[in-house]
């Protein structure tokens, strides 16, 4: 009996099978954010989403463990998530991790919100300099007439409306989202699932992929049906650029870079031509300024730091005997304390670091002042004072006047006059100067009073 299928029919079936396998094997891109959310996190997420589109990924999984971060950076990341044509699943993992503050907003904004057992989210109240962590500014204890309290209430109301809008967009618990902002409450993974704050609890990434298989998600470009059970996981860790940006946008590192830059320029100005101080100082100073313009800085703090550094530089050139230097240290410490206009975890400057830099600056200034005082007590080594008392040998005498001649002294050829006749090769002592002529006596004679 002849087979009812023609050869090209078998070929078509094979192509359909491989085509279906290829479609089901669309990759899943896996990203990872650990620590505070800042400018480096924005750069990492936006570039990773662009790469995921080029790789035709069916899903992007953002593994998250964060105490929070900067409001501006968080909003930039949420904009990227909402505009992504690829579904994004934010997954708080591993156990013991948290998606606090800015992490809660990211969970609400994502197409899929998942947590591992033993994780938590919440405490989404915006915290600014001078605020009280864990206490909403619109509480009964807040002074309604206080201007700072009014500004804080505006920030809280804005944040509450923002997260409520995200919750309504994704169909999640909007009431609890607002409560997390106004009262800084938190939830465990199990409680978050029960209250419809998240979508899934998954023990690990393969478990999450199995739960998502066959789900249909709405994206900016339309619906996407996931086939993640057999999908390959392509992990894209932060590259060197993101790691470098994360380092230099750390406020503590930015402050250290600024100090190295200033001291490098001081060394270059005091030792012209050395080159190393100017090159290192210039690079560090530019990196510090780049870092500060990405951070929520208090410009009064920047002004105080620059004023303090200017005073310290002036101390190296002006004989103020430490007055300018001590004033510069005081201004630097005050500016460093108020430099970063936020109390977000990971973006504060430790007082220990500020104290260490202040002490190092004080020691440097003490060294400069002590060297200046020591130099004042030393005898002059230039000008007339260095000539008087010097010994030299007569190199020649005038033919018409044996009391006049020439000597070689300090690399220069001088005309000399002596009260007694001179002879070539004689040792003489300088006792005075008159313009371009030196007065000398024989070396074996006691020096007379200068004229």
Protein backbone atom coordinates (compact mmCIF):
# COMPACT_ATOMS: atom_id res chain seq x y z
CA UNK A 1 0.00 0.00 0.00
CA UNK A 2 1.41 3.34 -1.02
CA UNK A 3 1.85 6.10 1.57
CA UNK A 4 -0.86 8.76 1.10
CA UNK A 5 1.61 11.57 1.98
CA UNK A 6 3.80 12.92 -0.75
CA UNK A 7 7.49 13.76 0.06
CA UNK A 8 6.86 17.50 0.16
CA UNK A 9 4.07 16.89 2.69
CA UNK A 10 6.56 15.26 5.05
CA UNK A 11 8.92 18.16 4.53
CA UNK A 12 6.13 20.62 5.37
CA UNK A 13 5.33 18.72 8.57
CA UNK A 14 8.98 18.78 9.62
CA UNK A 15 9.17 22.50 8.98
CA UNK A 16 6.00 23.09 10.99
CA UNK A 17 7.37 21.05 13.90
CA UNK A 18 10.67 22.95 13.91
CA UNK A 19 8.82 26.23 13.51
CA UNK A 20 6.64 25.45 16.52
CA UNK A 21 9.71 24.45 18.53
CA UNK A 22 11.45 27.70 17.59
CA UNK A 23 8.42 29.74 18.57
CA UNK A 24 8.13 27.98 21.92
CA UNK A 25 11.86 28.41 22.50
CA UNK A 26 11.80 32.22 22.43
CA UNK A 27 14.28 33.20 25.15
CA UNK A 28 13.55 34.77 28.51
CA UNK A 29 15.92 37.56 29.52
CA UNK A 30 16.89 37.59 33.20
CA UNK A 31 18.21 40.75 34.89
CA UNK A 32 19.39 41.32 38.44
CA UNK A 33 19.32 44.46 40.62
CA UNK A 34 20.86 44.31 44.09
CA UNK A 35 21.12 47.28 46.41
CA UNK A 36 19.83 50.81 46.22
CA UNK A 37 18.18 51.99 42.99
CA UNK A 38 20.04 54.87 41.38
CA UNK A 39 21.32 56.21 38.05
CA UNK A 40 23.25 53.00 37.35
CA UNK A 41 20.05 50.95 37.73
CA UNK A 42 18.29 53.15 35.16
CA UNK A 43 21.10 52.72 32.64
CA UNK A 44 21.20 48.96 33.24
CA UNK A 45 17.46 48.42 32.80
CA UNK A 46 16.96 50.63 29.75
CA UNK A 47 19.89 49.13 27.83
CA UNK A 48 18.88 45.58 28.84
CA UNK A 49 15.33 46.13 27.54
CA UNK A 50 16.70 47.36 24.22
CA UNK A 51 18.88 44.26 23.97
CA UNK A 52 15.93 42.01 24.86
CA UNK A 53 13.98 43.47 21.94
CA UNK A 54 16.87 42.73 19.59
CA UNK A 55 17.04 39.17 20.95
CA UNK A 56 13.24 38.85 20.43
CA UNK A 57 12.77 37.75 24.02
CA UNK A 58 9.23 36.79 25.03
CA UNK A 59 9.67 37.91 28.66
CA UNK A 60 12.06 39.92 30.83
CA UNK A 61 12.44 38.81 34.44
CA UNK A 62 13.84 41.43 36.82
CA UNK A 63 15.19 39.76 39.96
CA UNK A 64 15.09 42.33 42.73
CA UNK A 65 16.54 42.84 46.18
CA UNK A 66 16.52 46.51 47.17
CA UNK A 67 15.95 48.70 50.25
CA UNK A 68 14.70 51.48 47.96
CA UNK A 69 16.35 54.23 46.01
CA UNK A 70 16.11 57.64 44.43
CA UNK A 71 12.67 58.83 43.36
CA UNK A 72 13.91 60.16 40.02
CA UNK A 73 15.70 56.91 39.14
CA UNK A 74 12.64 54.86 40.16
CA UNK A 75 10.32 56.88 37.94
CA UNK A 76 12.67 56.56 34.95
CA UNK A 77 12.70 52.79 35.40
CA UNK A 78 8.90 52.65 35.67
CA UNK A 79 8.58 54.67 32.46
CA UNK A 80 10.79 52.11 30.72
CA UNK A 81 8.68 49.25 32.12
CA UNK A 82 5.38 50.80 31.03
CA UNK A 83 6.71 51.56 27.54
CA UNK A 84 8.22 48.11 27.01
CA UNK A 85 6.66 46.00 24.24
CA UNK A 86 7.98 42.93 26.08
CA UNK A 87 6.21 41.80 29.28
CA UNK A 88 8.28 42.35 32.42
CA UNK A 89 8.05 40.19 35.52
CA UNK A 90 9.58 41.66 38.68
CA UNK A 91 10.58 38.89 41.06
CA UNK A 92 11.72 39.58 44.63
CA UNK A 93 14.26 36.83 45.24
CA UNK A 94 16.03 34.98 46.89
CA UNK A 95 14.45 34.27 50.25
CA UNK A 96 15.41 36.95 52.73
CA UNK A 97 15.34 39.68 50.09
CA UNK A 98 13.05 42.69 50.05
CA UNK A 99 11.39 44.98 47.55
CA UNK A 100 11.01 47.96 49.84
CA UNK A 101 10.17 51.55 48.96
CA UNK A 102 11.10 52.01 45.28
CA UNK A 103 11.03 48.22 44.84
CA UNK A 104 7.33 48.21 45.76
CA UNK A 105 6.59 50.71 43.01
CA UNK A 106 8.46 48.53 40.49
CA UNK A 107 6.47 45.47 41.53
CA UNK A 108 3.20 47.36 41.04
CA UNK A 109 4.31 48.72 37.65
CA UNK A 110 5.38 45.35 36.21
CA UNK A 111 3.18 43.11 34.10
CA UNK A 112 3.86 40.29 36.56
CA UNK A 113 4.65 40.71 40.26
CA UNK A 114 6.16 37.71 42.02
CA UNK A 115 7.97 37.03 45.26
CA UNK A 116 9.93 34.19 46.74
CA UNK A 117 8.93 32.77 50.13
CA UNK A 118 10.53 34.69 52.98
CA UNK A 119 10.63 38.04 51.15
CA UNK A 120 8.74 41.24 51.90
CA UNK A 121 7.65 44.51 50.28
CA UNK A 122 6.25 47.86 51.36
CA UNK A 123 7.44 50.87 53.41
CA UNK A 124 6.97 53.08 50.36
CA UNK A 125 6.78 56.47 52.08
CA UNK A 126 9.10 58.97 50.34
CA UNK A 127 11.89 60.00 52.72
CA UNK A 128 13.68 63.34 52.42
CA UNK A 129 16.28 65.12 54.51
CA UNK A 130 14.87 65.99 57.89
CA UNK A 131 11.97 63.54 57.67
CA UNK A 132 11.17 60.96 60.30
CA UNK A 133 11.41 57.43 58.86
CA UNK A 134 8.29 55.40 59.37
CA UNK A 135 6.08 58.38 60.21
CA UNK A 136 3.90 59.94 57.57
CA UNK A 137 4.18 63.73 57.38
CA UNK A 138 0.39 64.02 57.34
CA UNK A 139 -0.01 62.29 60.71
CA UNK A 140 -1.89 64.08 63.55
CA UNK A 141 1.45 64.99 65.15
CA UNK A 142 2.55 66.97 62.10
CA UNK A 143 2.33 70.74 62.30
CA UNK A 144 0.00 71.92 59.53
CA UNK A 145 1.54 75.36 59.61
CA UNK A 146 5.06 74.10 59.14
CA UNK A 147 6.35 74.77 55.64
CA UNK A 148 8.53 71.65 55.55
CA UNK A 149 5.56 69.57 56.69
CA UNK A 150 3.44 71.01 53.90
CA UNK A 151 6.07 70.12 51.33
CA UNK A 152 6.38 66.61 52.75
CA UNK A 153 2.60 66.13 52.56
CA UNK A 154 2.66 67.17 48.93
CA UNK A 155 5.33 64.54 48.25
CA UNK A 156 3.35 61.85 50.06
CA UNK A 157 0.12 62.72 48.24
CA UNK A 158 1.92 62.67 44.91
CA UNK A 159 3.53 59.30 45.69
CA UNK A 160 0.21 57.84 46.86
CA UNK A 161 -1.57 58.93 43.68
CA UNK A 162 1.31 57.57 41.59
CA UNK A 163 1.29 54.07 43.11
CA UNK A 164 -2.53 53.97 43.10
CA UNK A 165 -2.47 54.68 39.37
CA UNK A 166 0.02 51.83 38.84
CA UNK A 167 -2.17 49.48 40.90
CA UNK A 168 -5.27 50.35 38.88
CA UNK A 169 -3.33 49.89 35.63
CA UNK A 170 -2.26 46.35 36.60
CA UNK A 171 -5.45 45.41 38.49
CA UNK A 172 -3.80 45.06 41.89
CA UNK A 173 -4.78 46.15 45.40
CA UNK A 174 -4.77 49.96 45.18
CA UNK A 175 -5.93 50.56 48.75
CA UNK A 176 -3.02 48.70 50.28
CA UNK A 177 -0.63 50.43 47.86
CA UNK A 178 -1.74 53.82 49.16
CA UNK A 179 -1.50 52.56 52.73
CA UNK A 180 2.10 51.47 52.08
CA UNK A 181 2.90 55.05 51.07
CA UNK A 182 0.99 56.90 53.80
CA UNK A 183 1.70 54.55 56.72
CA UNK A 184 4.92 52.80 55.64
CA UNK A 185 3.39 49.34 56.19
CA UNK A 186 4.96 46.15 54.83
CA UNK A 187 3.76 42.68 53.85
CA UNK A 188 5.30 39.24 53.64
CA UNK A 189 5.10 37.29 50.40
CA UNK A 190 2.17 35.14 51.59
CA UNK A 191 0.19 38.14 52.84
CA UNK A 192 0.92 40.04 49.61
CA UNK A 193 -0.54 37.17 47.56
CA UNK A 194 -3.62 36.94 49.76
CA UNK A 195 -4.27 40.69 49.47
CA UNK A 196 -3.88 40.68 45.67
CA UNK A 197 -0.73 42.81 45.85
CA UNK A 198 1.33 40.30 43.84
CA UNK A 199 0.44 37.63 41.31
CA UNK A 200 2.63 34.67 42.20
CA UNK A 201 4.82 33.11 44.86
CA UNK A 202 7.62 31.07 43.31
CA UNK A 203 10.36 29.17 45.10
CA UNK A 204 12.83 29.79 42.28
CA UNK A 205 13.04 31.01 38.69
CA UNK A 206 12.12 27.66 37.00
CA UNK A 207 9.05 27.47 39.27
CA UNK A 208 8.02 30.95 38.15
CA UNK A 209 8.49 29.97 34.49
CA UNK A 210 6.21 26.96 34.95
CA UNK A 211 3.51 29.10 36.56
CA UNK A 212 3.68 31.71 33.80
CA UNK A 213 3.50 29.21 30.95
CA UNK A 214 0.41 29.84 28.83
CA UNK A 215 -0.49 33.14 30.50
CA UNK A 216 -1.60 36.06 28.32
CA UNK A 217 -0.33 39.52 29.25
CA UNK A 218 -1.31 42.92 27.92
CA UNK A 219 1.60 45.07 26.75
CA UNK A 220 1.85 48.43 25.05
CA UNK A 221 1.81 46.75 21.65
CA UNK A 222 -0.93 44.22 22.38
CA UNK A 223 -1.42 40.85 24.03
CA UNK A 224 1.45 38.40 24.50
CA UNK A 225 0.95 34.71 25.29
CA UNK A 226 3.88 33.23 27.19
CA UNK A 227 5.41 29.84 26.49
CA UNK A 228 7.99 29.74 29.23
CA UNK A 229 7.97 26.10 30.34
CA UNK A 230 10.74 25.11 27.93
CA UNK A 231 12.17 28.56 27.22
CA UNK A 232 15.89 29.18 27.57
CA UNK A 233 16.96 31.65 30.27
CA UNK A 234 19.49 34.24 29.11
CA UNK A 235 20.99 36.08 32.06
CA UNK A 236 22.45 39.55 31.40
CA UNK A 237 24.43 40.73 34.40
CA UNK A 238 25.55 44.38 34.74
CA UNK A 239 28.57 45.09 32.53
CA UNK A 240 31.64 47.15 33.42
CA UNK A 241 29.93 50.39 32.46
CA UNK A 242 27.04 49.83 34.86
CA UNK A 243 29.38 48.73 37.65
CA UNK A 244 31.58 51.80 37.13
CA UNK A 245 28.55 54.09 37.10
CA UNK A 246 27.29 52.44 40.30
CA UNK A 247 30.63 53.13 41.98
CA UNK A 248 31.09 56.75 40.97
CA UNK A 249 27.45 57.67 41.70
CA UNK A 250 27.92 56.58 45.29
CA UNK A 251 27.90 59.87 47.28
CA UNK A 252 30.82 58.73 49.44
CA UNK A 253 32.92 57.91 46.37
CA UNK A 254 31.96 61.23 44.78
CA UNK A 255 33.15 63.10 47.87
CA UNK A 256 36.43 61.16 47.95
CA UNK A 257 36.98 61.84 44.24
CA UNK A 258 36.43 65.54 44.84
CA UNK A 259 39.01 65.59 47.64
CA UNK A 260 41.56 63.68 45.57
CA UNK A 261 40.94 66.06 42.68
CA UNK A 262 41.46 69.18 44.80
CA UNK A 263 44.58 67.84 46.51
CA UNK A 264 45.97 66.75 43.16
CA UNK A 265 45.55 70.28 41.79
CA UNK A 266 47.11 71.75 44.95
CA UNK A 267 50.15 69.48 44.46
CA UNK A 268 50.37 70.49 40.80
CA UNK A 269 50.18 74.23 41.61
CA UNK A 270 52.83 73.96 44.32
CA UNK A 271 55.06 71.78 42.14
CA UNK A 272 54.63 73.09 38.58
CA UNK A 273 55.65 70.70 35.87
CA UNK A 274 55.21 67.48 37.87
CA UNK A 275 52.20 66.54 35.72
CA UNK A 276 50.92 63.62 37.79
CA UNK A 277 49.00 65.72 40.30
CA UNK A 278 47.30 67.76 37.60
CA UNK A 279 46.30 64.73 35.51
CA UNK A 280 44.96 62.65 38.42
CA UNK A 281 43.35 65.66 40.07
CA UNK A 282 41.62 66.81 36.91
CA UNK A 283 40.21 63.36 36.12
CA UNK A 284 38.96 62.81 39.68
CA UNK A 285 37.40 66.26 39.85
CA UNK A 286 35.51 65.79 36.57
CA UNK A 287 34.26 62.35 37.69
CA UNK A 288 33.10 63.88 40.98
CA UNK A 289 31.18 66.65 39.21
CA UNK A 290 29.61 64.11 36.83
CA UNK A 291 28.52 62.00 39.79
CA UNK A 292 27.06 64.94 41.70
CA UNK A 293 24.96 66.11 38.78
CA UNK A 294 23.25 62.69 38.73
CA UNK A 295 22.49 62.74 42.45
CA UNK A 296 19.92 64.72 44.46
CA UNK A 297 22.44 67.16 45.90
CA UNK A 298 21.82 70.14 48.13
CA UNK A 299 23.46 73.07 46.34
CA UNK A 300 24.15 74.83 49.63
CA UNK A 301 26.22 71.79 50.58
CA UNK A 302 28.08 71.93 47.26
CA UNK A 303 28.77 75.65 47.77
CA UNK A 304 30.12 75.05 51.30
CA UNK A 305 32.37 72.23 50.11
CA UNK A 306 33.77 74.34 47.28
CA UNK A 307 34.26 77.29 49.65
CA UNK A 308 36.06 75.05 52.11
CA UNK A 309 38.30 73.63 49.41
CA UNK A 310 39.04 77.16 48.16
CA UNK A 311 40.10 78.16 51.68
CA UNK A 312 42.32 75.10 51.93
CA UNK A 313 43.94 75.90 48.58
CA UNK A 314 44.49 79.51 49.69
CA UNK A 315 46.19 78.24 52.84
CA UNK A 316 48.89 76.72 50.64
CA UNK A 317 49.71 80.14 49.13
CA UNK A 318 48.69 82.76 51.72
CA UNK A 319 50.59 83.00 55.04
CA UNK A 320 47.47 82.92 57.25
CA UNK A 321 49.03 80.39 59.67
CA UNK A 322 46.03 78.07 59.63
CA UNK A 323 43.14 80.52 59.83
CA UNK A 324 42.00 79.93 56.27
CA UNK A 325 42.68 76.22 56.58
CA UNK A 326 40.62 75.74 59.74
CA UNK A 327 37.79 77.78 58.24
CA UNK A 328 37.99 75.63 55.12
CA UNK A 329 37.77 72.42 57.15
CA UNK A 330 34.72 73.71 59.03
CA UNK A 331 32.99 74.69 55.76
CA UNK A 332 33.88 71.34 54.20
CA UNK A 333 32.43 69.34 57.10
CA UNK A 334 29.21 71.36 57.14
CA UNK A 335 28.82 71.01 53.37
CA UNK A 336 29.49 67.27 53.39
CA UNK A 337 26.87 66.68 56.10
CA UNK A 338 24.09 68.38 54.08
CA UNK A 339 25.41 67.47 50.61
CA UNK A 340 22.93 64.71 49.72
CA UNK A 341 19.33 65.90 49.97
CA UNK A 342 17.82 62.54 50.90
CA UNK A 343 17.91 59.82 53.56
CA UNK A 344 17.39 56.97 51.09
CA UNK A 345 19.42 53.91 52.20
CA UNK A 346 22.63 53.64 50.23
CA UNK A 347 22.75 57.33 49.30
CA UNK A 348 23.91 58.93 52.54
CA UNK A 349 27.45 59.96 53.42
CA UNK A 350 28.64 58.27 56.65
CA UNK A 351 29.74 60.68 59.36
CA UNK A 352 32.80 58.49 59.90
CA UNK A 353 33.93 59.19 56.33
CA UNK A 354 33.34 62.93 56.74
CA UNK A 355 35.33 62.91 59.98
CA UNK A 356 38.17 60.94 58.38
CA UNK A 357 38.45 63.35 55.46
CA UNK A 358 38.30 66.34 57.83
CA UNK A 359 41.08 64.91 60.02
CA UNK A 360 43.20 64.12 56.95
CA UNK A 361 42.73 67.69 55.73
CA UNK A 362 43.62 69.06 59.16
CA UNK A 363 46.81 66.99 59.26
CA UNK A 364 47.75 68.19 55.79
CA UNK A 365 47.18 71.81 56.76
CA UNK A 366 49.17 71.31 59.99
CA UNK A 367 52.04 69.99 57.89
CA UNK A 368 51.86 72.98 55.54
CA UNK A 369 51.75 75.50 58.40
CA UNK A 370 54.61 73.82 60.29
CA UNK A 371 56.75 73.85 57.15
CA UNK A 372 55.97 77.54 56.65
CA UNK A 373 56.94 78.39 60.25
CA UNK A 374 60.14 76.36 59.95
CA UNK A 375 61.02 78.18 56.75
CA UNK A 376 60.57 81.55 58.48
CA UNK A 377 63.14 80.63 61.15
CA UNK A 378 65.78 79.64 58.60
CA UNK A 379 68.36 82.10 57.35
CA UNK A 380 67.91 83.55 53.92
CA UNK A 381 69.56 81.67 51.11
CA UNK A 382 69.01 84.23 48.36
CA UNK A 383 69.66 87.94 47.77
CA UNK A 384 72.32 90.05 49.47
CA UNK A 385 72.15 88.06 52.69
CA UNK A 386 73.39 84.97 50.91
CA UNK A 387 76.32 86.87 49.38
CA UNK A 388 77.67 88.56 52.49
CA UNK A 389 80.10 86.29 54.31
CA UNK A 390 80.70 84.04 51.32
CA UNK A 391 84.22 83.00 50.37
CA UNK A 392 85.43 83.20 46.78
CA UNK A 393 88.65 83.16 44.78
CA UNK A 394 89.91 86.11 42.79
CA UNK A 395 89.90 85.23 39.11
CA UNK A 396 91.51 88.44 37.84
CA UNK A 397 92.53 92.04 38.73
CA UNK A 398 92.36 95.30 36.88
CA UNK A 399 95.65 96.45 35.35
CA UNK A 400 95.18 100.06 36.43
CA UNK A 401 93.93 99.31 39.97
CA UNK A 402 95.12 96.27 41.93
CA UNK A 403 92.38 96.87 44.55
CA UNK A 404 89.70 96.00 41.98
CA UNK A 405 89.12 92.64 40.33
CA UNK A 406 86.71 89.83 39.62
CA UNK A 407 85.48 86.70 41.43
CA UNK A 408 83.24 83.71 40.57
CA UNK A 409 80.42 83.38 43.15
CA UNK A 410 77.21 81.31 43.03
CA UNK A 411 77.63 80.73 39.32
CA UNK A 412 77.95 84.44 38.56
CA UNK A 413 80.89 86.70 37.62
CA UNK A 414 81.13 89.65 40.04
CA UNK A 415 83.29 92.80 40.05
CA UNK A 416 84.87 93.35 43.48
CA UNK A 417 86.70 96.10 45.39
CA UNK A 418 89.10 95.61 48.30
CA UNK A 419 90.77 98.12 50.64
CA UNK A 420 94.03 96.27 50.01
CA UNK A 421 95.62 95.14 46.78
CA UNK A 422 94.37 91.86 45.33
CA UNK A 423 96.22 89.10 43.54
CA UNK A 424 94.90 86.30 41.28
CA UNK A 425 93.96 83.11 43.15
CA UNK A 426 93.61 84.89 46.48
CA UNK A 427 90.76 83.83 48.82
CA UNK A 428 88.52 86.76 49.73
CA UNK A 429 85.40 87.23 51.85
CA UNK A 430 82.39 89.27 50.74
CA UNK A 431 81.53 91.99 53.28
CA UNK A 432 79.01 94.09 51.35
CA UNK A 433 77.40 95.02 48.09
CA UNK A 434 77.05 98.27 46.19
CA UNK A 435 74.87 97.77 43.15
CA UNK A 436 76.73 95.46 40.80
CA UNK A 437 79.95 95.62 42.78
CA UNK A 438 80.91 93.59 45.86
CA UNK A 439 83.17 94.74 48.69
CA UNK A 440 85.65 92.10 49.79
CA UNK A 441 88.52 91.64 52.21
CA UNK A 442 91.27 89.07 52.37
CA UNK A 443 89.98 85.80 53.82
CA UNK A 444 92.62 85.78 56.54
CA UNK A 445 91.52 89.23 57.74
CA UNK A 446 88.57 89.65 60.14
CA UNK A 447 85.45 90.85 58.32
CA UNK A 448 84.83 94.56 58.76
CA UNK A 449 81.42 96.23 59.12
CA UNK A 450 79.40 96.26 55.91
CA UNK A 451 79.25 99.46 53.99
